[in-house]
PDB file of all heavy atoms in Angstrom:
ATOM      1  N   ALA A   1      98.417  91.696  98.215  1.00  0.00           N
ATOM      2  CA  ALA A   1      99.676  91.363  98.895  1.00  0.00           C
ATOM      3  C   ALA A   1     100.163  92.537  99.734  1.00  0.00           C
ATOM      4  O   ALA A   1     100.618  92.362 100.875  1.00  0.00           O
ATOM      5  CB  ALA A   1     100.738  90.975  97.867  1.00  0.00           C
ATOM      6  N   GLY A   2     100.048  93.747  99.192  1.00  0.00           N
ATOM      7  CA  GLY A   2     100.446  94.931  99.949  1.00  0.00           C
ATOM      8  C   GLY A   2      99.599  95.134 101.178  1.00  0.00           C
ATOM      9  O   GLY A   2     100.097  95.451 102.263  1.00  0.00           O
ATOM     10  N   ALA A   3      98.283  94.957 101.041  1.00  0.00           N
ATOM     11  CA  ALA A   3      97.383  95.127 102.182  1.00  0.00           C
ATOM     12  C   ALA A   3      97.674  94.082 103.262  1.00  0.00           C
ATOM     13  O   ALA A   3      97.683  94.398 104.458  1.00  0.00           O
ATOM     14  CB  ALA A   3      95.933  95.022 101.719  1.00  0.00           C
ATOM     15  N   LEU A   4      97.923  92.833 102.836  1.00  0.00           N
ATOM     16  CA  LEU A   4      98.258  91.797 103.821  1.00  0.00           C
ATOM     17  C   LEU A   4      99.574  92.105 104.530  1.00  0.00           C
ATOM     18  O   LEU A   4      99.684  91.939 105.751  1.00  0.00           O
ATOM     19  CB  LEU A   4      98.340  90.425 103.134  1.00  0.00           C
ATOM     20  CG  LEU A   4      97.011  89.820 102.697  1.00  0.00           C
ATOM     21  CD1 LEU A   4      97.246  88.535 101.904  1.00  0.00           C
ATOM     22  CD2 LEU A   4      96.127  89.543 103.898  1.00  0.00           C
ATOM     23  N   GLY A   5     100.571  92.543 103.767  1.00  0.00           N
ATOM     24  CA  GLY A   5     101.865  92.892 104.372  1.00  0.00           C
ATOM     25  C   GLY A   5     101.731  94.031 105.362  1.00  0.00           C
ATOM     26  O   GLY A   5     102.267  93.968 106.480  1.00  0.00           O
ATOM     27  N   LEU A   6     101.006  95.074 104.968  1.00  0.00           N
ATOM     28  CA  LEU A   6     100.812  96.207 105.888  1.00  0.00           C
ATOM     29  C   LEU A   6      99.988  95.784 107.100  1.00  0.00           C
ATOM     30  O   LEU A   6     100.252  96.231 108.220  1.00  0.00           O
ATOM     31  CB  LEU A   6     100.131  97.363 105.153  1.00  0.00           C
ATOM     32  CG  LEU A   6     101.015  98.084 104.138  1.00  0.00           C
ATOM     33  CD1 LEU A   6     100.196  99.116 103.372  1.00  0.00           C
ATOM     34  CD2 LEU A   6     102.194  98.751 104.809  1.00  0.00           C
ATOM     35  N   GLY A   7      99.019  94.905 106.872  1.00  0.00           N
ATOM     36  CA  GLY A   7      98.224  94.402 107.998  1.00  0.00           C
ATOM     37  C   GLY A   7      99.085  93.659 109.007  1.00  0.00           C
ATOM     38  O   GLY A   7      98.930  93.820 110.222  1.00  0.00           O
ATOM     39  N   LEU A   8     100.026  92.848 108.500  1.00  0.00           N
ATOM     40  CA  LEU A   8     100.933  92.121 109.396  1.00  0.00           C
ATOM     41  C   LEU A   8     101.855  93.073 110.157  1.00  0.00           C
ATOM     42  O   LEU A   8     102.134  92.869 111.343  1.00  0.00           O
ATOM     43  CB  LEU A   8     101.756  91.106 108.603  1.00  0.00           C
ATOM     44  CG  LEU A   8     100.985  89.889 108.084  1.00  0.00           C
ATOM     45  CD1 LEU A   8     101.862  89.050 107.169  1.00  0.00           C
ATOM     46  CD2 LEU A   8     100.473  89.053 109.248  1.00  0.00           C
ATOM     47  N   VAL A   9     102.314  94.131 109.466  1.00  0.00           N
ATOM     48  CA  VAL A   9     103.153  95.128 110.141  1.00  0.00           C
ATOM     49  C   VAL A   9     102.362  95.807 111.254  1.00  0.00           C
ATOM     50  O   VAL A   9     102.857  96.002 112.377  1.00  0.00           O
ATOM     51  CB  VAL A   9     103.679  96.175 109.133  1.00  0.00           C
ATOM     52  CG1 VAL A   9     104.295  97.366 109.841  1.00  0.00           C
ATOM     53  CG2 VAL A   9     104.694  95.538 108.203  1.00  0.00           C
ATOM     54  N   LEU A  10     101.115  96.172 110.962  1.00  0.00           N
ATOM     55  CA  LEU A  10     100.276  96.827 111.974  1.00  0.00           C
ATOM     56  C   LEU A  10     100.007  95.882 113.142  1.00  0.00           C
ATOM     57  O   LEU A  10     100.078  96.297 114.308  1.00  0.00           O
ATOM     58  CB  LEU A  10      98.964  97.294 111.346  1.00  0.00           C
ATOM     59  CG  LEU A  10      99.077  98.369 110.263  1.00  0.00           C
ATOM     60  CD1 LEU A  10      97.708  98.687 109.682  1.00  0.00           C
ATOM     61  CD2 LEU A  10      99.732  99.619 110.801  1.00  0.00           C
ATOM     62  N   LEU A  11      99.706  94.621 112.830  1.00  0.00           N
ATOM     63  CA  LEU A  11      99.444  93.642 113.894  1.00  0.00           C
ATOM     64  C   LEU A  11     100.679  93.452 114.765  1.00  0.00           C
ATOM     65  O   LEU A  11     100.594  93.444 115.999  1.00  0.00           O
ATOM     66  CB  LEU A  11      99.011  92.314 113.266  1.00  0.00           C
ATOM     67  CG  LEU A  11      98.643  91.196 114.237  1.00  0.00           C
ATOM     68  CD1 LEU A  11      97.393  91.590 115.033  1.00  0.00           C
ATOM     69  CD2 LEU A  11      98.403  89.898 113.490  1.00  0.00           C
ATOM     70  N   PHE A  12     101.844  93.319 114.135  1.00  0.00           N
ATOM     71  CA  PHE A  12     103.088  93.177 114.891  1.00  0.00           C
ATOM     72  C   PHE A  12     103.324  94.399 115.777  1.00  0.00           C
ATOM     73  O   PHE A  12     103.703  94.270 116.942  1.00  0.00           O
ATOM     74  CB  PHE A  12     104.263  92.981 113.930  1.00  0.00           C
ATOM     75  CG  PHE A  12     105.600  93.012 114.620  1.00  0.00           C
ATOM     76  CD1 PHE A  12     106.058  91.908 115.311  1.00  0.00           C
ATOM     77  CD2 PHE A  12     106.389  94.158 114.590  1.00  0.00           C
ATOM     78  CE1 PHE A  12     107.294  91.933 115.960  1.00  0.00           C
ATOM     79  CE2 PHE A  12     107.613  94.189 115.233  1.00  0.00           C
ATOM     80  CZ  PHE A  12     108.064  93.078 115.914  1.00  0.00           C
ATOM     81  N   SER A  13     103.093  95.585 115.226  1.00  0.00           N
ATOM     82  CA  SER A  13     103.304  96.815 116.001  1.00  0.00           C
ATOM     83  C   SER A  13     102.403  96.862 117.226  1.00  0.00           C
ATOM     84  O   SER A  13     102.842  97.240 118.319  1.00  0.00           O
ATOM     85  CB  SER A  13     103.040  98.045 115.131  1.00  0.00           C
ATOM     86  OG  SER A  13     103.963  98.108 114.078  1.00  0.00           O
ATOM     87  N   LEU A  14     101.152  96.496 117.052  1.00  0.00           N
ATOM     88  CA  LEU A  14     100.219  96.529 118.176  1.00  0.00           C
ATOM     89  C   LEU A  14     100.562  95.475 119.227  1.00  0.00           C
ATOM     90  O   LEU A  14     100.481  95.739 120.432  1.00  0.00           O
ATOM     91  CB  LEU A  14      98.785  96.328 117.678  1.00  0.00           C
ATOM     92  CG  LEU A  14      98.194  97.489 116.887  1.00  0.00           C
ATOM     93  CD1 LEU A  14      96.853  97.102 116.283  1.00  0.00           C
ATOM     94  CD2 LEU A  14      98.045  98.720 117.768  1.00  0.00           C
ATOM     95  N   LEU A  15     100.956  94.267 118.782  1.00  0.00           N
ATOM     96  CA  LEU A  15     101.268  93.209 119.738  1.00  0.00           C
ATOM     97  C   LEU A  15     102.593  93.465 120.462  1.00  0.00           C
ATOM     98  O   LEU A  15     102.720  93.209 121.656  1.00  0.00           O
ATOM     99  CB  LEU A  15     101.328  91.849 119.026  1.00  0.00           C
ATOM    100  CG  LEU A  15     100.003  91.307 118.508  1.00  0.00           C
ATOM    101  CD1 LEU A  15     100.219  90.013 117.738  1.00  0.00           C
ATOM    102  CD2 LEU A  15      99.023  91.084 119.654  1.00  0.00           C
ATOM    103  N   TYR A  16     103.570  93.981 119.751  1.00  0.00           N
ATOM    104  CA  TYR A  16     104.904  94.142 120.333  1.00  0.00           C
ATOM    105  C   TYR A  16     105.055  95.446 121.099  1.00  0.00           C
ATOM    106  O   TYR A  16     105.676  95.469 122.163  1.00  0.00           O
ATOM    107  CB  TYR A  16     105.952  94.058 119.212  1.00  0.00           C
ATOM    108  CG  TYR A  16     107.360  93.884 119.721  1.00  0.00           C
ATOM    109  CD1 TYR A  16     107.786  92.670 120.249  1.00  0.00           C
ATOM    110  CD2 TYR A  16     108.265  94.935 119.667  1.00  0.00           C
ATOM    111  CE1 TYR A  16     109.075  92.512 120.706  1.00  0.00           C
ATOM    112  CE2 TYR A  16     109.559  94.774 120.125  1.00  0.00           C
ATOM    113  CZ  TYR A  16     109.959  93.565 120.648  1.00  0.00           C
ATOM    114  OH  TYR A  16     111.234  93.408 121.108  1.00  0.00           O
ATOM    115  N   TYR A  17     104.474  96.526 120.586  1.00  0.00           N
ATOM    116  CA  TYR A  17     104.665  97.828 121.212  1.00  0.00           C
ATOM    117  C   TYR A  17     103.429  98.325 121.963  1.00  0.00           C
ATOM    118  O   TYR A  17     103.467  99.395 122.553  1.00  0.00           O
ATOM    119  CB  TYR A  17     105.076  98.874 120.157  1.00  0.00           C
ATOM    120  CG  TYR A  17     106.450  98.630 119.619  1.00  0.00           C
ATOM    121  CD1 TYR A  17     106.627  98.235 118.311  1.00  0.00           C
ATOM    122  CD2 TYR A  17     107.575  98.787 120.419  1.00  0.00           C
ATOM    123  CE1 TYR A  17     107.896  98.004 117.809  1.00  0.00           C
ATOM    124  CE2 TYR A  17     108.838  98.552 119.918  1.00  0.00           C
ATOM    125  CZ  TYR A  17     108.993  98.159 118.621  1.00  0.00           C
ATOM    126  OH  TYR A  17     110.237  97.925 118.124  1.00  0.00           O
ATOM    127  N   ARG A  18     102.343  97.600 121.895  1.00  0.00           N
ATOM    128  CA  ARG A  18     101.083  97.928 122.576  1.00  0.00           C
ATOM    129  C   ARG A  18     100.633  99.359 122.301  1.00  0.00           C
ATOM    130  O   ARG A  18     100.264  99.677 121.181  1.00  0.00           O
ATOM    131  CB  ARG A  18     101.229  97.634 124.060  1.00  0.00           C
ATOM    132  CG  ARG A  18     101.422  96.161 124.352  1.00  0.00           C
ATOM    133  CD  ARG A  18     101.541  95.869 125.831  1.00  0.00           C
ATOM    134  NE  ARG A  18     101.720  94.458 126.101  1.00  0.00           N
ATOM    135  CZ  ARG A  18     102.871  93.822 126.050  1.00  0.00           C
ATOM    136  NH1 ARG A  18     103.957  94.477 125.712  1.00  0.00           N
ATOM    137  NH2 ARG A  18     102.945  92.544 126.306  1.00  0.00           N
ATOM    138  N   ALA A  19     100.697 100.238 123.286  1.00  0.00           N
ATOM    139  CA  ALA A  19     100.186 101.600 123.110  1.00  0.00           C
ATOM    140  C   ALA A  19     100.990 102.371 122.069  1.00  0.00           C
ATOM    141  O   ALA A  19     100.429 103.138 121.279  1.00  0.00           O
ATOM    142  CB  ALA A  19     100.198 102.349 124.439  1.00  0.00           C
ATOM    143  N   LEU A  20     102.307 102.158 122.055  1.00  0.00           N
ATOM    144  CA  LEU A  20     103.118 102.830 121.045  1.00  0.00           C
ATOM    145  C   LEU A  20     102.779 102.327 119.640  1.00  0.00           C
ATOM    146  O   LEU A  20     102.945 103.045 118.660  1.00  0.00           O
ATOM    147  CB  LEU A  20     104.610 102.612 121.324  1.00  0.00           C
ATOM    148  CG  LEU A  20     105.189 103.338 122.536  1.00  0.00           C
ATOM    149  CD1 LEU A  20     106.641 102.945 122.748  1.00  0.00           C
ATOM    150  CD2 LEU A  20     105.064 104.831 122.375  1.00  0.00           C
ATOM    151  N   GLY A  21     102.280 101.106 119.547  1.00  0.00           N
ATOM    152  CA  GLY A  21     101.857 100.574 118.262  1.00  0.00           C
ATOM    153  C   GLY A  21     100.722 101.373 117.659  1.00  0.00           C
ATOM    154  O   GLY A  21     100.604 101.475 116.431  1.00  0.00           O
ATOM    155  N   LEU A  22      99.888 101.958 118.519  1.00  0.00           N
ATOM    156  CA  LEU A  22      98.802 102.817 118.014  1.00  0.00           C
ATOM    157  C   LEU A  22      99.370 104.037 117.300  1.00  0.00           C
ATOM    158  O   LEU A  22      98.801 104.511 116.315  1.00  0.00           O
ATOM    159  CB  LEU A  22      97.882 103.247 119.164  1.00  0.00           C
ATOM    160  CG  LEU A  22      97.047 102.131 119.805  1.00  0.00           C
ATOM    161  CD1 LEU A  22      96.308 102.652 121.023  1.00  0.00           C
ATOM    162  CD2 LEU A  22      96.095 101.536 118.793  1.00  0.00           C
ATOM    163  N   VAL A  23     100.493 104.545 117.796  1.00  0.00           N
ATOM    164  CA  VAL A  23     101.149 105.674 117.126  1.00  0.00           C
ATOM    165  C   VAL A  23     101.614 105.236 115.737  1.00  0.00           C
ATOM    166  O   VAL A  23     101.446 105.969 114.751  1.00  0.00           O
ATOM    167  CB  VAL A  23     102.340 106.181 117.968  1.00  0.00           C
ATOM    168  CG1 VAL A  23     103.099 107.265 117.240  1.00  0.00           C
ATOM    169  CG2 VAL A  23     101.870 106.669 119.329  1.00  0.00           C
ATOM    170  N   THR A  24     102.177 104.029 115.653  1.00  0.00           N
ATOM    171  CA  THR A  24     102.613 103.510 114.354  1.00  0.00           C
ATOM    172  C   THR A  24     101.435 103.345 113.406  1.00  0.00           C
ATOM    173  O   THR A  24     101.503 103.748 112.245  1.00  0.00           O
ATOM    174  CB  THR A  24     103.325 102.148 114.530  1.00  0.00           C
ATOM    175  OG1 THR A  24     104.396 102.298 115.452  1.00  0.00           O
ATOM    176  CG2 THR A  24     103.841 101.618 113.222  1.00  0.00           C
ATOM    177  N   VAL A  25     100.353 102.778 113.905  1.00  0.00           N
ATOM    178  CA  VAL A  25      99.162 102.577 113.072  1.00  0.00           C
ATOM    179  C   VAL A  25      98.647 103.921 112.563  1.00  0.00           C
ATOM    180  O   VAL A  25      98.371 104.085 111.375  1.00  0.00           O
ATOM    181  CB  VAL A  25      98.062 101.829 113.865  1.00  0.00           C
ATOM    182  CG1 VAL A  25      96.748 101.836 113.098  1.00  0.00           C
ATOM    183  CG2 VAL A  25      98.506 100.410 114.169  1.00  0.00           C
ATOM    184  N   GLY A  26      98.550 104.896 113.466  1.00  0.00           N
ATOM    185  CA  GLY A  26      98.070 106.226 113.056  1.00  0.00           C
ATOM    186  C   GLY A  26      98.974 106.871 112.027  1.00  0.00           C
ATOM    187  O   GLY A  26      98.506 107.444 111.030  1.00  0.00           O
ATOM    188  N   SER A  27     100.284 106.744 112.238  1.00  0.00           N
ATOM    189  CA  SER A  27     101.215 107.371 111.291  1.00  0.00           C
ATOM    190  C   SER A  27     101.178 106.681 109.937  1.00  0.00           C
ATOM    191  O   SER A  27     101.277 107.333 108.898  1.00  0.00           O
ATOM    192  CB  SER A  27     102.632 107.361 111.845  1.00  0.00           C
ATOM    193  OG  SER A  27     103.143 106.051 111.836  1.00  0.00           O
ATOM    194  N   LEU A  28     101.031 105.360 109.926  1.00  0.00           N
ATOM    195  CA  LEU A  28     100.961 104.647 108.653  1.00  0.00           C
ATOM    196  C   LEU A  28      99.675 104.980 107.904  1.00  0.00           C
ATOM    197  O   LEU A  28      99.681 105.084 106.671  1.00  0.00           O
ATOM    198  CB  LEU A  28     101.083 103.144 108.868  1.00  0.00           C
ATOM    199  CG  LEU A  28     102.440 102.646 109.350  1.00  0.00           C
ATOM    200  CD1 LEU A  28     102.434 101.136 109.517  1.00  0.00           C
ATOM    201  CD2 LEU A  28     103.532 103.056 108.395  1.00  0.00           C
ATOM    202  N   VAL A  29      98.604 105.160 108.616  1.00  0.00           N
ATOM    203  CA  VAL A  29      97.348 105.578 107.975  1.00  0.00           C
ATOM    204  C   VAL A  29      97.529 106.964 107.357  1.00  0.00           C
ATOM    205  O   VAL A  29      97.130 107.212 106.207  1.00  0.00           O
ATOM    206  CB  VAL A  29      96.182 105.563 108.983  1.00  0.00           C
ATOM    207  CG1 VAL A  29      94.955 106.275 108.425  1.00  0.00           C
ATOM    208  CG2 VAL A  29      95.829 104.132 109.360  1.00  0.00           C
ATOM    209  N   ILE A  30      98.155 107.872 108.110  1.00  0.00           N
ATOM    210  CA  ILE A  30      98.384 109.232 107.586  1.00  0.00           C
ATOM    211  C   ILE A  30      99.340 109.175 106.388  1.00  0.00           C
ATOM    212  O   ILE A  30      99.094 109.812 105.353  1.00  0.00           O
ATOM    213  CB  ILE A  30      98.942 110.147 108.693  1.00  0.00           C
ATOM    214  CG1 ILE A  30      97.857 110.411 109.737  1.00  0.00           C
ATOM    215  CG2 ILE A  30      99.442 111.459 108.110  1.00  0.00           C
ATOM    216  CD1 ILE A  30      98.353 111.106 110.987  1.00  0.00           C
ATOM    217  N   ALA A  31     100.429 108.407 106.498  1.00  0.00           N
ATOM    218  CA  ALA A  31     101.391 108.295 105.381  1.00  0.00           C
ATOM    219  C   ALA A  31     100.724 107.699 104.145  1.00  0.00           C
ATOM    220  O   ALA A  31     100.927 108.174 103.023  1.00  0.00           O
ATOM    221  CB  ALA A  31     102.594 107.450 105.800  1.00  0.00           C
ATOM    222  N   GLY A  32      99.903 106.667 104.348  1.00  0.00           N
ATOM    223  CA  GLY A  32      99.198 106.049 103.228  1.00  0.00           C
ATOM    224  C   GLY A  32      98.213 107.006 102.581  1.00  0.00           C
ATOM    225  O   GLY A  32      98.093 107.055 101.351  1.00  0.00           O
ATOM    226  N   THR A  33      97.517 107.791 103.395  1.00  0.00           N
ATOM    227  CA  THR A  33      96.561 108.775 102.868  1.00  0.00           C
ATOM    228  C   THR A  33      97.275 109.859 102.070  1.00  0.00           C
ATOM    229  O   THR A  33      96.833 110.235 100.978  1.00  0.00           O
ATOM    230  CB  THR A  33      95.762 109.409 104.028  1.00  0.00           C
ATOM    231  OG1 THR A  33      95.118 108.364 104.768  1.00  0.00           O
ATOM    232  CG2 THR A  33      94.727 110.379 103.506  1.00  0.00           C
ATOM    233  N   ILE A  34      98.377 110.362 102.608  1.00  0.00           N
ATOM    234  CA  ILE A  34      99.144 111.391 101.881  1.00  0.00           C
ATOM    235  C   ILE A  34      99.659 110.833 100.558  1.00  0.00           C
ATOM    236  O   ILE A  34      99.605 111.500  99.521  1.00  0.00           O
ATOM    237  CB  ILE A  34     100.314 111.909 102.761  1.00  0.00           C
ATOM    238  CG1 ILE A  34      99.756 112.742 103.916  1.00  0.00           C
ATOM    239  CG2 ILE A  34     101.295 112.734 101.934  1.00  0.00           C
ATOM    240  CD1 ILE A  34     100.799 113.125 104.949  1.00  0.00           C
ATOM    241  N   LEU A  35     100.156 109.586 100.580  1.00  0.00           N
ATOM    242  CA  LEU A  35     100.659 108.966  99.357  1.00  0.00           C
ATOM    243  C   LEU A  35      99.542 108.792  98.328  1.00  0.00           C
ATOM    244  O   LEU A  35      99.723 109.067  97.143  1.00  0.00           O
ATOM    245  CB  LEU A  35     101.289 107.619  99.701  1.00  0.00           C
ATOM    246  CG  LEU A  35     102.239 107.008  98.698  1.00  0.00           C
ATOM    247  CD1 LEU A  35     103.400 107.952  98.408  1.00  0.00           C
ATOM    248  CD2 LEU A  35     102.771 105.696  99.214  1.00  0.00           C
ATOM    249  N   TYR A  36      98.377 108.366  98.783  1.00  0.00           N
ATOM    250  CA  TYR A  36      97.235 108.194  97.881  1.00  0.00           C
ATOM    251  C   TYR A  36      96.823 109.533  97.272  1.00  0.00           C
ATOM    252  O   TYR A  36      96.577 109.631  96.069  1.00  0.00           O
ATOM    253  CB  TYR A  36      96.068 107.563  98.642  1.00  0.00           C
ATOM    254  CG  TYR A  36      94.841 107.359  97.799  1.00  0.00           C
ATOM    255  CD1 TYR A  36      94.808 106.375  96.816  1.00  0.00           C
ATOM    256  CD2 TYR A  36      93.718 108.159  97.971  1.00  0.00           C
ATOM    257  CE1 TYR A  36      93.692 106.194  96.025  1.00  0.00           C
ATOM    258  CE2 TYR A  36      92.597 107.983  97.184  1.00  0.00           C
ATOM    259  CZ  TYR A  36      92.591 106.994  96.216  1.00  0.00           C
ATOM    260  OH  TYR A  36      91.478 106.827  95.437  1.00  0.00           O
ATOM    261  N   LEU A  37      96.759 110.573  98.103  1.00  0.00           N
ATOM    262  CA  LEU A  37      96.419 111.902  97.584  1.00  0.00           C
ATOM    263  C   LEU A  37      97.472 112.401  96.603  1.00  0.00           C
ATOM    264  O   LEU A  37      97.145 113.037  95.591  1.00  0.00           O
ATOM    265  CB  LEU A  37      96.252 112.893  98.738  1.00  0.00           C
ATOM    266  CG  LEU A  37      95.040 112.651  99.653  1.00  0.00           C
ATOM    267  CD1 LEU A  37      95.072 113.601 100.843  1.00  0.00           C
ATOM    268  CD2 LEU A  37      93.747 112.799  98.881  1.00  0.00           C
ATOM    269  N   LEU A  38      98.735 112.111  96.888  1.00  0.00           N
ATOM    270  CA  LEU A  38      99.813 112.488  95.971  1.00  0.00           C
ATOM    271  C   LEU A  38      99.649 111.790  94.622  1.00  0.00           C
ATOM    272  O   LEU A  38      99.820 112.406  93.567  1.00  0.00           O
ATOM    273  CB  LEU A  38     101.169 112.143  96.591  1.00  0.00           C
ATOM    274  CG  LEU A  38     102.407 112.525  95.796  1.00  0.00           C
ATOM    275  CD1 LEU A  38     102.505 114.048  95.679  1.00  0.00           C
ATOM    276  CD2 LEU A  38     103.649 111.986  96.464  1.00  0.00           C
ATOM    277  N   PHE A  39      99.286 110.504  94.647  1.00  0.00           N
ATOM    278  CA  PHE A  39      99.033 109.774  93.399  1.00  0.00           C
ATOM    279  C   PHE A  39      97.884 110.408  92.625  1.00  0.00           C
ATOM    280  O   PHE A  39      97.935 110.521  91.402  1.00  0.00           O
ATOM    281  CB  PHE A  39      98.724 108.308  93.678  1.00  0.00           C
ATOM    282  CG  PHE A  39      99.913 107.498  94.101  1.00  0.00           C
ATOM    283  CD1 PHE A  39      99.747 106.341  94.834  1.00  0.00           C
ATOM    284  CD2 PHE A  39     101.206 107.876  93.770  1.00  0.00           C
ATOM    285  CE1 PHE A  39     100.833 105.585  95.231  1.00  0.00           C
ATOM    286  CE2 PHE A  39     102.303 107.130  94.156  1.00  0.00           C
ATOM    287  CZ  PHE A  39     102.109 105.976  94.881  1.00  0.00           C
ATOM    288  N   LEU A  40      96.828 110.798  93.336  1.00  0.00           N
ATOM    289  CA  LEU A  40      95.694 111.425  92.662  1.00  0.00           C
ATOM    290  C   LEU A  40      96.087 112.752  92.018  1.00  0.00           C
ATOM    291  O   LEU A  40      95.724 113.029  90.877  1.00  0.00           O
ATOM    292  CB  LEU A  40      94.544 111.648  93.651  1.00  0.00           C
ATOM    293  CG  LEU A  40      93.827 110.394  94.158  1.00  0.00           C
ATOM    294  CD1 LEU A  40      92.752 110.779  95.153  1.00  0.00           C
ATOM    295  CD2 LEU A  40      93.238 109.612  93.004  1.00  0.00           C
ATOM    296  N   VAL A  41      96.845 113.565  92.763  1.00  0.00           N
ATOM    297  CA  VAL A  41      97.266 114.870  92.234  1.00  0.00           C
ATOM    298  C   VAL A  41      98.189 114.680  91.029  1.00  0.00           C
ATOM    299  O   VAL A  41      98.036 115.347  90.000  1.00  0.00           O
ATOM    300  CB  VAL A  41      97.958 115.706  93.339  1.00  0.00           C
ATOM    301  CG1 VAL A  41      98.649 116.919  92.755  1.00  0.00           C
ATOM    302  CG2 VAL A  41      96.953 116.118  94.395  1.00  0.00           C
TER     303      VAL A  41
END
């Protein structure tokens, strides 16, 4: 459910903001990676 929700957010960002949506996608990937690493630590 989380992956589907995030996927919809990413899709909306790309369709609505186009090039700026790529910035959102990149930042969410970085935020998700940092959060995952924080969970591991």
